[in-house]
PDB file of all heavy atoms in Angstrom:
ATOM      1  N   PHE A   1      -4.406  -1.789  22.831  1.00  0.00           N
ATOM      2  CA  PHE A   1      -3.951  -2.614  21.712  1.00  0.00           C
ATOM      3  C   PHE A   1      -3.081  -1.781  20.780  1.00  0.00           C
ATOM      4  O   PHE A   1      -3.456  -0.672  20.391  1.00  0.00           O
ATOM      5  CB  PHE A   1      -5.147  -3.168  20.940  1.00  0.00           C
ATOM      6  CG  PHE A   1      -4.752  -3.947  19.716  1.00  0.00           C
ATOM      7  CD1 PHE A   1      -4.159  -5.201  19.835  1.00  0.00           C
ATOM      8  CD2 PHE A   1      -4.950  -3.421  18.455  1.00  0.00           C
ATOM      9  CE1 PHE A   1      -3.782  -5.917  18.709  1.00  0.00           C
ATOM     10  CE2 PHE A   1      -4.575  -4.129  17.322  1.00  0.00           C
ATOM     11  CZ  PHE A   1      -3.998  -5.378  17.460  1.00  0.00           C
ATOM     12  N   CYS A   2      -1.920  -2.308  20.438  1.00  0.00           N
ATOM     13  CA  CYS A   2      -1.014  -1.631  19.503  1.00  0.00           C
ATOM     14  C   CYS A   2      -0.583  -2.616  18.422  1.00  0.00           C
ATOM     15  O   CYS A   2       0.054  -3.631  18.727  1.00  0.00           O
ATOM     16  CB  CYS A   2       0.209  -1.079  20.232  1.00  0.00           C
ATOM     17  SG  CYS A   2       1.307  -0.101  19.162  1.00  0.00           S
ATOM     18  N   PRO A   3      -0.933  -2.362  17.165  1.00  0.00           N
ATOM     19  CA  PRO A   3      -0.498  -3.250  16.080  1.00  0.00           C
ATOM     20  C   PRO A   3       1.019  -3.217  15.907  1.00  0.00           C
ATOM     21  O   PRO A   3       1.696  -2.301  16.370  1.00  0.00           O
ATOM     22  CB  PRO A   3      -1.205  -2.666  14.854  1.00  0.00           C
ATOM     23  CG  PRO A   3      -2.295  -1.804  15.388  1.00  0.00           C
ATOM     24  CD  PRO A   3      -1.788  -1.278  16.689  1.00  0.00           C
ATOM     25  N   ALA A   4       1.538  -4.204  15.234  1.00  0.00           N
ATOM     26  CA  ALA A   4       2.974  -4.281  14.970  1.00  0.00           C
ATOM     27  C   ALA A   4       3.439  -3.064  14.168  1.00  0.00           C
ATOM     28  O   ALA A   4       2.700  -2.534  13.331  1.00  0.00           O
ATOM     29  CB  ALA A   4       3.294  -5.567  14.207  1.00  0.00           C
ATOM     30  N   HIS A   5       4.678  -2.615  14.465  1.00  0.00           N
ATOM     31  CA  HIS A   5       5.357  -1.542  13.739  1.00  0.00           C
ATOM     32  C   HIS A   5       4.705  -0.167  13.935  1.00  0.00           C
ATOM     33  O   HIS A   5       4.938   0.730  13.129  1.00  0.00           O
ATOM     34  CB  HIS A   5       5.458  -1.862  12.249  1.00  0.00           C
ATOM     35  CG  HIS A   5       6.087  -3.196  11.962  1.00  0.00           C
ATOM     36  ND1 HIS A   5       7.341  -3.536  12.420  1.00  0.00           N
ATOM     37  CD2 HIS A   5       5.602  -4.287  11.300  1.00  0.00           C
ATOM     38  CE1 HIS A   5       7.612  -4.767  12.034  1.00  0.00           C
ATOM     39  NE2 HIS A   5       6.581  -5.248  11.365  1.00  0.00           N
ATOM     40  N   VAL A   6       3.910  -0.006  14.980  1.00  0.00           N
ATOM     41  CA  VAL A   6       3.340   1.302  15.309  1.00  0.00           C
ATOM     42  C   VAL A   6       4.119   1.878  16.486  1.00  0.00           C
ATOM     43  O   VAL A   6       4.342   1.206  17.489  1.00  0.00           O
ATOM     44  CB  VAL A   6       1.845   1.189  15.668  1.00  0.00           C
ATOM     45  CG1 VAL A   6       1.308   2.521  16.189  1.00  0.00           C
ATOM     46  CG2 VAL A   6       1.040   0.747  14.450  1.00  0.00           C
ATOM     47  N   THR A   7       4.540   3.137  16.358  1.00  0.00           N
ATOM     48  CA  THR A   7       5.299   3.795  17.421  1.00  0.00           C
ATOM     49  C   THR A   7       4.472   3.884  18.697  1.00  0.00           C
ATOM     50  O   THR A   7       3.279   4.154  18.657  1.00  0.00           O
ATOM     51  CB  THR A   7       5.709   5.209  16.986  1.00  0.00           C
ATOM     52  OG1 THR A   7       6.467   5.120  15.784  1.00  0.00           O
ATOM     53  CG2 THR A   7       6.551   5.877  18.058  1.00  0.00           C
ATOM     54  N   MET A   8       5.145   3.699  19.837  1.00  0.00           N
ATOM     55  CA  MET A   8       4.425   3.655  21.108  1.00  0.00           C
ATOM     56  C   MET A   8       5.278   4.320  22.193  1.00  0.00           C
ATOM     57  O   MET A   8       6.473   4.060  22.302  1.00  0.00           O
ATOM     58  CB  MET A   8       4.166   2.187  21.475  1.00  0.00           C
ATOM     59  CG  MET A   8       3.359   1.947  22.707  1.00  0.00           C
ATOM     60  SD  MET A   8       3.125   0.138  22.903  1.00  0.00           S
ATOM     61  CE  MET A   8       2.019   0.113  24.289  1.00  0.00           C
ATOM     62  N   THR A   9       4.673   5.221  22.967  1.00  0.00           N
ATOM     63  CA  THR A   9       5.337   5.783  24.136  1.00  0.00           C
ATOM     64  C   THR A   9       4.352   5.761  25.300  1.00  0.00           C
ATOM     65  O   THR A   9       3.166   6.036  25.120  1.00  0.00           O
ATOM     66  CB  THR A   9       5.805   7.234  23.898  1.00  0.00           C
ATOM     67  OG1 THR A   9       4.693   8.023  23.468  1.00  0.00           O
ATOM     68  CG2 THR A   9       6.905   7.295  22.874  1.00  0.00           C
ATOM     69  N   ILE A  10       4.853   5.424  26.491  1.00  0.00           N
ATOM     70  CA  ILE A  10       4.008   5.293  27.672  1.00  0.00           C
ATOM     71  C   ILE A  10       4.702   5.948  28.854  1.00  0.00           C
ATOM     72  O   ILE A  10       5.897   5.745  29.070  1.00  0.00           O
ATOM     73  CB  ILE A  10       3.750   3.811  28.024  1.00  0.00           C
ATOM     74  CG1 ILE A  10       3.134   3.059  26.840  1.00  0.00           C
ATOM     75  CG2 ILE A  10       2.848   3.693  29.248  1.00  0.00           C
ATOM     76  CD1 ILE A  10       3.085   1.550  27.049  1.00  0.00           C
ATOM     77  N   HIS A  11       3.945   6.725  29.617  1.00  0.00           N
ATOM     78  CA  HIS A  11       4.442   7.239  30.890  1.00  0.00           C
ATOM     79  C   HIS A  11       3.350   7.031  31.924  1.00  0.00           C
ATOM     80  O   HIS A  11       2.212   7.470  31.731  1.00  0.00           O
ATOM     81  CB  HIS A  11       4.789   8.724  30.803  1.00  0.00           C
ATOM     82  CG  HIS A  11       5.278   9.278  32.117  1.00  0.00           C
ATOM     83  ND1 HIS A  11       6.614   9.229  32.492  1.00  0.00           N
ATOM     84  CD2 HIS A  11       4.617   9.841  33.162  1.00  0.00           C
ATOM     85  CE1 HIS A  11       6.737   9.757  33.696  1.00  0.00           C
ATOM     86  NE2 HIS A  11       5.540  10.132  34.126  1.00  0.00           N
ATOM     87  N   CYS A  12       3.672   6.344  33.017  1.00  0.00           N
ATOM     88  CA  CYS A  12       2.688   6.027  34.047  1.00  0.00           C
ATOM     89  C   CYS A  12       3.129   6.570  35.401  1.00  0.00           C
ATOM     90  O   CYS A  12       4.321   6.597  35.714  1.00  0.00           O
ATOM     91  CB  CYS A  12       2.478   4.520  34.140  1.00  0.00           C
ATOM     92  SG  CYS A  12       1.735   3.822  32.656  1.00  0.00           S
ATOM     93  N   GLU A  13       2.145   6.952  36.206  1.00  0.00           N
ATOM     94  CA  GLU A  13       2.407   7.558  37.507  1.00  0.00           C
ATOM     95  C   GLU A  13       2.927   6.541  38.514  1.00  0.00           C
ATOM     96  O   GLU A  13       3.801   6.840  39.321  1.00  0.00           O
ATOM     97  CB  GLU A  13       1.115   8.189  38.030  1.00  0.00           C
ATOM     98  CG  GLU A  13       1.203   8.765  39.425  1.00  0.00           C
ATOM     99  CD  GLU A  13      -0.152   9.220  39.944  1.00  0.00           C
ATOM    100  OE1 GLU A  13      -1.175   8.869  39.338  1.00  0.00           O
ATOM    101  OE2 GLU A  13      -0.168   9.922  40.966  1.00  0.00           O
ATOM    102  N   LYS A  14       2.404   5.324  38.503  1.00  0.00           N
ATOM    103  CA  LYS A  14       2.794   4.328  39.486  1.00  0.00           C
ATOM    104  C   LYS A  14       2.854   2.950  38.846  1.00  0.00           C
ATOM    105  O   LYS A  14       2.361   2.744  37.728  1.00  0.00           O
ATOM    106  CB  LYS A  14       1.830   4.329  40.663  1.00  0.00           C
ATOM    107  CG  LYS A  14       0.390   4.001  40.294  1.00  0.00           C
ATOM    108  CD  LYS A  14      -0.513   4.077  41.520  1.00  0.00           C
ATOM    109  CE  LYS A  14      -1.941   3.678  41.186  1.00  0.00           C
ATOM    110  NZ  LYS A  14      -2.835   3.725  42.366  1.00  0.00           N
ATOM    111  N   GLU A  15       3.460   1.997  39.554  1.00  0.00           N
ATOM    112  CA  GLU A  15       3.553   0.650  39.008  1.00  0.00           C
ATOM    113  C   GLU A  15       2.163   0.032  38.913  1.00  0.00           C
ATOM    114  O   GLU A  15       1.254   0.400  39.662  1.00  0.00           O
ATOM    115  CB  GLU A  15       4.476  -0.219  39.862  1.00  0.00           C
ATOM    116  CG  GLU A  15       3.938  -0.605  41.206  1.00  0.00           C
ATOM    117  CD  GLU A  15       4.855  -1.593  41.916  1.00  0.00           C
ATOM    118  OE1 GLU A  15       6.038  -1.680  41.554  1.00  0.00           O
ATOM    119  OE2 GLU A  15       4.367  -2.274  42.835  1.00  0.00           O
ATOM    120  N   TYR A  16       2.029  -0.901  38.000  1.00  0.00           N
ATOM    121  CA  TYR A  16       0.724  -1.529  37.795  1.00  0.00           C
ATOM    122  C   TYR A  16       0.912  -2.972  37.319  1.00  0.00           C
ATOM    123  O   TYR A  16       1.947  -3.330  36.760  1.00  0.00           O
ATOM    124  CB  TYR A  16      -0.107  -0.736  36.784  1.00  0.00           C
ATOM    125  CG  TYR A  16       0.497  -0.666  35.392  1.00  0.00           C
ATOM    126  CD1 TYR A  16       0.097  -1.532  34.382  1.00  0.00           C
ATOM    127  CD2 TYR A  16       1.474   0.273  35.090  1.00  0.00           C
ATOM    128  CE1 TYR A  16       0.641  -1.461  33.115  1.00  0.00           C
ATOM    129  CE2 TYR A  16       2.034   0.354  33.824  1.00  0.00           C
ATOM    130  CZ  TYR A  16       1.604  -0.511  32.836  1.00  0.00           C
ATOM    131  OH  TYR A  16       2.153  -0.447  31.579  1.00  0.00           O
ATOM    132  N   GLU A  17      -0.109  -3.769  37.557  1.00  0.00           N
ATOM    133  CA  GLU A  17      -0.112  -5.156  37.105  1.00  0.00           C
ATOM    134  C   GLU A  17      -0.838  -5.262  35.771  1.00  0.00           C
ATOM    135  O   GLU A  17      -1.841  -4.574  35.548  1.00  0.00           O
ATOM    136  CB  GLU A  17      -0.792  -6.052  38.134  1.00  0.00           C
ATOM    137  CG  GLU A  17      -0.048  -6.182  39.447  1.00  0.00           C
ATOM    138  CD  GLU A  17      -0.785  -7.103  40.402  1.00  0.00           C
ATOM    139  OE1 GLU A  17      -0.662  -8.333  40.237  1.00  0.00           O
ATOM    140  OE2 GLU A  17      -1.496  -6.592  41.277  1.00  0.00           O
ATOM    141  N   SER A  18      -0.350  -6.115  34.916  1.00  0.00           N
ATOM    142  CA  SER A  18      -0.987  -6.266  33.612  1.00  0.00           C
ATOM    143  C   SER A  18      -0.675  -7.633  33.030  1.00  0.00           C
ATOM    144  O   SER A  18       0.217  -8.353  33.496  1.00  0.00           O
ATOM    145  CB  SER A  18      -0.500  -5.179  32.649  1.00  0.00           C
ATOM    146  OG  SER A  18       0.882  -5.362  32.363  1.00  0.00           O
ATOM    147  N   ILE A  19      -1.444  -7.974  32.011  1.00  0.00           N
ATOM    148  CA  ILE A  19      -1.162  -9.156  31.194  1.00  0.00           C
ATOM    149  C   ILE A  19      -0.863  -8.657  29.784  1.00  0.00           C
ATOM    150  O   ILE A  19      -1.667  -7.944  29.184  1.00  0.00           O
ATOM    151  CB  ILE A  19      -2.348 -10.130  31.151  1.00  0.00           C
ATOM    152  CG1 ILE A  19      -2.730 -10.592  32.558  1.00  0.00           C
ATOM    153  CG2 ILE A  19      -2.001 -11.347  30.282  1.00  0.00           C
ATOM    154  CD1 ILE A  19      -3.975 -11.468  32.592  1.00  0.00           C
ATOM    155  N   LEU A  20       0.311  -9.004  29.280  1.00  0.00           N
ATOM    156  CA  LEU A  20       0.705  -8.634  27.921  1.00  0.00           C
ATOM    157  C   LEU A  20       0.619  -9.871  27.035  1.00  0.00           C
ATOM    158  O   LEU A  20       1.231 -10.903  27.345  1.00  0.00           O
ATOM    159  CB  LEU A  20       2.136  -8.091  27.899  1.00  0.00           C
ATOM    160  CG  LEU A  20       2.779  -7.933  26.515  1.00  0.00           C
ATOM    161  CD1 LEU A  20       2.067  -6.852  25.712  1.00  0.00           C
ATOM    162  CD2 LEU A  20       4.270  -7.619  26.646  1.00  0.00           C
ATOM    163  N   LEU A  21      -0.148  -9.767  25.955  1.00  0.00           N
ATOM    164  CA  LEU A  21      -0.229 -10.853  24.984  1.00  0.00           C
ATOM    165  C   LEU A  21       0.450 -10.402  23.703  1.00  0.00           C
ATOM    166  O   LEU A  21       0.125  -9.337  23.160  1.00  0.00           O
ATOM    167  CB  LEU A  21      -1.684 -11.231  24.695  1.00  0.00           C
ATOM    168  CG  LEU A  21      -1.841 -12.440  23.765  1.00  0.00           C
ATOM    169  CD1 LEU A  21      -1.516 -13.724  24.521  1.00  0.00           C
ATOM    170  CD2 LEU A  21      -3.237 -12.519  23.180  1.00  0.00           C
ATOM    171  N   CYS A  22       1.403 -11.192  23.219  1.00  0.00           N
ATOM    172  CA  CYS A  22       2.136 -10.898  21.990  1.00  0.00           C
ATOM    173  C   CYS A  22       1.639 -11.845  20.899  1.00  0.00           C
ATOM    174  O   CYS A  22       1.739 -13.068  21.047  1.00  0.00           O
ATOM    175  CB  CYS A  22       3.639 -11.084  22.198  1.00  0.00           C
ATOM    176  SG  CYS A  22       4.302 -10.171  23.613  1.00  0.00           S
ATOM    177  N   LEU A  23       1.118 -11.270  19.840  1.00  0.00           N
ATOM    178  CA  LEU A  23       0.535 -12.071  18.765  1.00  0.00           C
ATOM    179  C   LEU A  23       1.269 -11.786  17.461  1.00  0.00           C
ATOM    180  O   LEU A  23       1.323 -10.637  16.997  1.00  0.00           O
ATOM    181  CB  LEU A  23      -0.952 -11.738  18.612  1.00  0.00           C
ATOM    182  CG  LEU A  23      -1.728 -12.474  17.530  1.00  0.00           C
ATOM    183  CD1 LEU A  23      -1.805 -13.967  17.848  1.00  0.00           C
ATOM    184  CD2 LEU A  23      -3.134 -11.896  17.405  1.00  0.00           C
ATOM    185  N   SER A  24       1.834 -12.804  16.873  1.00  0.00           N
ATOM    186  CA  SER A  24       2.575 -12.642  15.624  1.00  0.00           C
ATOM    187  C   SER A  24       1.633 -12.242  14.486  1.00  0.00           C
ATOM    188  O   SER A  24       0.562 -12.836  14.333  1.00  0.00           O
ATOM    189  CB  SER A  24       3.278 -13.954  15.262  1.00  0.00           C
ATOM    190  OG  SER A  24       3.729 -13.933  13.922  1.00  0.00           O
ATOM    191  N   PRO A  25       2.006 -11.239  13.684  1.00  0.00           N
ATOM    192  CA  PRO A  25       1.175 -10.894  12.519  1.00  0.00           C
ATOM    193  C   PRO A  25       0.981 -12.075  11.579  1.00  0.00           C
ATOM    194  O   PRO A  25      -0.046 -12.169  10.900  1.00  0.00           O
ATOM    195  CB  PRO A  25       1.980  -9.775  11.844  1.00  0.00           C
ATOM    196  CG  PRO A  25       2.770  -9.162  12.954  1.00  0.00           C
ATOM    197  CD  PRO A  25       3.135 -10.313  13.851  1.00  0.00           C
ATOM    198  N   ALA A  26       1.968 -12.983  11.529  1.00  0.00           N
ATOM    199  CA  ALA A  26       1.843 -14.159  10.654  1.00  0.00           C
ATOM    200  C   ALA A  26       0.661 -15.023  11.083  1.00  0.00           C
ATOM    201  O   ALA A  26      -0.094 -15.539  10.251  1.00  0.00           O
ATOM    202  CB  ALA A  26       3.138 -14.967  10.675  1.00  0.00           C
ATOM    203  N   VAL A  27       0.505 -15.193  12.401  1.00  0.00           N
ATOM    204  CA  VAL A  27      -0.637 -15.961  12.917  1.00  0.00           C
ATOM    205  C   VAL A  27      -1.936 -15.248  12.569  1.00  0.00           C
ATOM    206  O   VAL A  27      -2.899 -15.853  12.093  1.00  0.00           O
ATOM    207  CB  VAL A  27      -0.517 -16.141  14.449  1.00  0.00           C
ATOM    208  CG1 VAL A  27      -1.786 -16.760  15.019  1.00  0.00           C
ATOM    209  CG2 VAL A  27       0.693 -17.000  14.782  1.00  0.00           C
ATOM    210  N   PHE A  28      -1.977 -13.951  12.810  1.00  0.00           N
ATOM    211  CA  PHE A  28      -3.164 -13.155  12.529  1.00  0.00           C
ATOM    212  C   PHE A  28      -3.532 -13.227  11.043  1.00  0.00           C
ATOM    213  O   PHE A  28      -4.696 -13.450  10.680  1.00  0.00           O
ATOM    214  CB  PHE A  28      -2.900 -11.712  12.949  1.00  0.00           C
ATOM    215  CG  PHE A  28      -4.092 -10.812  12.845  1.00  0.00           C
ATOM    216  CD1 PHE A  28      -4.982 -10.697  13.893  1.00  0.00           C
ATOM    217  CD2 PHE A  28      -4.310 -10.064  11.702  1.00  0.00           C
ATOM    218  CE1 PHE A  28      -6.084  -9.857  13.810  1.00  0.00           C
ATOM    219  CE2 PHE A  28      -5.402  -9.222  11.604  1.00  0.00           C
ATOM    220  CZ  PHE A  28      -6.286  -9.116  12.657  1.00  0.00           C
ATOM    221  N   ASN A  29      -2.535 -13.063  10.171  1.00  0.00           N
ATOM    222  CA  ASN A  29      -2.794 -13.071   8.732  1.00  0.00           C
ATOM    223  C   ASN A  29      -3.215 -14.453   8.245  1.00  0.00           C
ATOM    224  O   ASN A  29      -4.039 -14.566   7.332  1.00  0.00           O
ATOM    225  CB  ASN A  29      -1.553 -12.601   7.971  1.00  0.00           C
ATOM    226  CG  ASN A  29      -1.230 -11.145   8.256  1.00  0.00           C
ATOM    227  OD1 ASN A  29      -2.094 -10.376   8.640  1.00  0.00           O
ATOM    228  ND2 ASN A  29       0.031 -10.771   8.085  1.00  0.00           N
ATOM    229  N   ARG A  30      -2.630 -15.487   8.835  1.00  0.00           N
ATOM    230  CA  ARG A  30      -3.006 -16.852   8.442  1.00  0.00           C
ATOM    231  C   ARG A  30      -4.477 -17.122   8.745  1.00  0.00           C
ATOM    232  O   ARG A  30      -5.190 -17.741   7.942  1.00  0.00           O
ATOM    233  CB  ARG A  30      -2.119 -17.868   9.163  1.00  0.00           C
ATOM    234  CG  ARG A  30      -2.383 -19.315   8.723  1.00  0.00           C
ATOM    235  CD  ARG A  30      -1.350 -20.278   9.270  1.00  0.00           C
ATOM    236  NE  ARG A  30      -1.414 -20.383  10.719  1.00  0.00           N
ATOM    237  CZ  ARG A  30      -0.463 -19.984  11.538  1.00  0.00           C
ATOM    238  NH1 ARG A  30       0.642 -19.423  11.058  1.00  0.00           N
ATOM    239  NH2 ARG A  30      -0.582 -20.127  12.842  1.00  0.00           N
ATOM    240  N   ILE A  31      -4.929 -16.656   9.889  1.00  0.00           N
ATOM    241  CA  ILE A  31      -6.336 -16.843  10.251  1.00  0.00           C
ATOM    242  C   ILE A  31      -7.226 -16.015   9.329  1.00  0.00           C
ATOM    243  O   ILE A  31      -8.281 -16.475   8.878  1.00  0.00           O
ATOM    244  CB  ILE A  31      -6.553 -16.457  11.724  1.00  0.00           C
ATOM    245  CG1 ILE A  31      -5.795 -17.436  12.635  1.00  0.00           C
ATOM    246  CG2 ILE A  31      -8.035 -16.443  12.086  1.00  0.00           C
ATOM    247  CD1 ILE A  31      -5.728 -17.014  14.081  1.00  0.00           C
ATOM    248  N   ALA A  32      -6.793 -14.782   9.015  1.00  0.00           N
ATOM    249  CA  ALA A  32      -7.574 -13.927   8.125  1.00  0.00           C
ATOM    250  C   ALA A  32      -7.718 -14.548   6.741  1.00  0.00           C
ATOM    251  O   ALA A  32      -8.778 -14.452   6.105  1.00  0.00           O
ATOM    252  CB  ALA A  32      -6.924 -12.548   8.022  1.00  0.00           C
ATOM    253  N   ASP A  33      -6.664 -15.208   6.269  1.00  0.00           N
ATOM    254  CA  ASP A  33      -6.700 -15.833   4.945  1.00  0.00           C
ATOM    255  C   ASP A  33      -7.702 -16.976   4.880  1.00  0.00           C
ATOM    256  O   ASP A  33      -8.191 -17.329   3.803  1.00  0.00           O
ATOM    257  CB  ASP A  33      -5.308 -16.361   4.570  1.00  0.00           C
ATOM    258  CG  ASP A  33      -4.326 -15.235   4.279  1.00  0.00           C
ATOM    259  OD1 ASP A  33      -4.787 -14.103   4.026  1.00  0.00           O
ATOM    260  OD2 ASP A  33      -3.111 -15.482   4.331  1.00  0.00           O
ATOM    261  N   GLN A  34      -8.018 -17.564   6.036  1.00  0.00           N
ATOM    262  CA  GLN A  34      -8.967 -18.680   6.073  1.00  0.00           C
ATOM    263  C   GLN A  34     -10.419 -18.209   6.097  1.00  0.00           C
ATOM    264  O   GLN A  34     -11.340 -19.014   5.968  1.00  0.00           O
ATOM    265  CB  GLN A  34      -8.698 -19.550   7.300  1.00  0.00           C
ATOM    266  CG  GLN A  34      -7.320 -20.198   7.314  1.00  0.00           C
ATOM    267  CD  GLN A  34      -7.043 -20.931   8.605  1.00  0.00           C
ATOM    268  OE1 GLN A  34      -7.947 -21.323   9.328  1.00  0.00           O
ATOM    269  NE2 GLN A  34      -5.764 -21.124   8.911  1.00  0.00           N
ATOM    270  N   LEU A  35     -10.625 -16.900   6.265  1.00  0.00           N
ATOM    271  CA  LEU A  35     -11.974 -16.344   6.368  1.00  0.00           C
ATOM    272  C   LEU A  35     -12.310 -15.588   5.094  1.00  0.00           C
ATOM    273  O   LEU A  35     -11.629 -14.642   4.715  1.00  0.00           O
ATOM    274  CB  LEU A  35     -12.068 -15.398   7.571  1.00  0.00           C
ATOM    275  CG  LEU A  35     -11.681 -16.003   8.937  1.00  0.00           C
ATOM    276  CD1 LEU A  35     -11.700 -14.929  10.001  1.00  0.00           C
ATOM    277  CD2 LEU A  35     -12.640 -17.133   9.308  1.00  0.00           C
ATOM    278  N   ASP A  36     -13.376 -15.991   4.439  1.00  0.00           N
ATOM    279  CA  ASP A  36     -13.768 -15.344   3.190  1.00  0.00           C
ATOM    280  C   ASP A  36     -14.221 -13.903   3.411  1.00  0.00           C
ATOM    281  O   ASP A  36     -14.076 -13.057   2.529  1.00  0.00           O
ATOM    282  CB  ASP A  36     -14.904 -16.132   2.525  1.00  0.00           C
ATOM    283  CG  ASP A  36     -14.449 -17.529   2.089  1.00  0.00           C
ATOM    284  OD1 ASP A  36     -13.244 -17.695   1.826  1.00  0.00           O
ATOM    285  OD2 ASP A  36     -15.304 -18.426   2.030  1.00  0.00           O
ATOM    286  N   ASP A  37     -14.793 -13.643   4.603  1.00  0.00           N
ATOM    287  CA  ASP A  37     -15.352 -12.311   4.861  1.00  0.00           C
ATOM    288  C   ASP A  37     -14.456 -11.470   5.770  1.00  0.00           C
ATOM    289  O   ASP A  37     -14.910 -10.507   6.381  1.00  0.00           O
ATOM    290  CB  ASP A  37     -16.741 -12.434   5.501  1.00  0.00           C
ATOM    291  CG  ASP A  37     -16.718 -13.277   6.780  1.00  0.00           C
ATOM    292  OD1 ASP A  37     -15.683 -13.925   7.042  1.00  0.00           O
ATOM    293  OD2 ASP A  37     -17.743 -13.288   7.491  1.00  0.00           O
ATOM    294  N   ALA A  38     -13.164 -11.833   5.893  1.00  0.00           N
ATOM    295  CA  ALA A  38     -12.266 -11.074   6.758  1.00  0.00           C
ATOM    296  C   ALA A  38     -12.083  -9.659   6.210  1.00  0.00           C
ATOM    297  O   ALA A  38     -11.906  -9.470   5.008  1.00  0.00           O
ATOM    298  CB  ALA A  38     -10.906 -11.762   6.859  1.00  0.00           C
ATOM    299  N   PRO A  39     -12.130  -8.631   7.060  1.00  0.00           N
ATOM    300  CA  PRO A  39     -11.953  -7.249   6.593  1.00  0.00           C
ATOM    301  C   PRO A  39     -10.542  -7.031   6.058  1.00  0.00           C
ATOM    302  O   PRO A  39      -9.587  -7.627   6.542  1.00  0.00           O
ATOM    303  CB  PRO A  39     -12.206  -6.417   7.850  1.00  0.00           C
ATOM    304  CG  PRO A  39     -11.936  -7.342   8.988  1.00  0.00           C
ATOM    305  CD  PRO A  39     -12.334  -8.700   8.519  1.00  0.00           C
ATOM    306  N   LYS A  40     -10.427  -6.169   5.066  1.00  0.00           N
ATOM    307  CA  LYS A  40      -9.133  -5.921   4.426  1.00  0.00           C
ATOM    308  C   LYS A  40      -8.384  -4.736   5.029  1.00  0.00           C
ATOM    309  O   LYS A  40      -7.191  -4.586   4.810  1.00  0.00           O
ATOM    310  CB  LYS A  40      -9.347  -5.667   2.925  1.00  0.00           C
ATOM    311  CG  LYS A  40     -10.071  -6.815   2.216  1.00  0.00           C
ATOM    312  CD  LYS A  40      -9.346  -8.141   2.402  1.00  0.00           C
ATOM    313  CE  LYS A  40     -10.084  -9.269   1.677  1.00  0.00           C
ATOM    314  NZ  LYS A  40      -9.451 -10.583   1.920  1.00  0.00           N
ATOM    315  N   ALA A  41      -9.088  -3.890   5.787  1.00  0.00           N
ATOM    316  CA  ALA A  41      -8.427  -2.724   6.376  1.00  0.00           C
ATOM    317  C   ALA A  41      -7.473  -3.143   7.481  1.00  0.00           C
ATOM    318  O   ALA A  41      -7.582  -4.239   8.038  1.00  0.00           O
ATOM    319  CB  ALA A  41      -9.485  -1.761   6.939  1.00  0.00           C
ATOM    320  N   HIS A  42      -6.535  -2.268   7.808  1.00  0.00           N
ATOM    321  CA  HIS A  42      -5.569  -2.553   8.866  1.00  0.00           C
ATOM    322  C   HIS A  42      -6.242  -2.453  10.228  1.00  0.00           C
ATOM    323  O   HIS A  42      -7.123  -1.629  10.450  1.00  0.00           O
ATOM    324  CB  HIS A  42      -4.399  -1.573   8.801  1.00  0.00           C
ATOM    325  CG  HIS A  42      -3.552  -1.740   7.584  1.00  0.00           C
ATOM    326  ND1 HIS A  42      -2.821  -2.882   7.339  1.00  0.00           N
ATOM    327  CD2 HIS A  42      -3.314  -0.905   6.542  1.00  0.00           C
ATOM    328  CE1 HIS A  42      -2.162  -2.749   6.189  1.00  0.00           C
ATOM    329  NE2 HIS A  42      -2.460  -1.560   5.690  1.00  0.00           N
TER     330      HIS A  42
END
């Protein structure tokens, strides 16, 4: 998992299969705003 705007570098030995899910911070923040007990840390 890599949050938005965090530098990322990857080097892999061989090809691999994966599922990549892209989640907008706006969606994440909107859900957090609806929760009274949502954590405030990043």
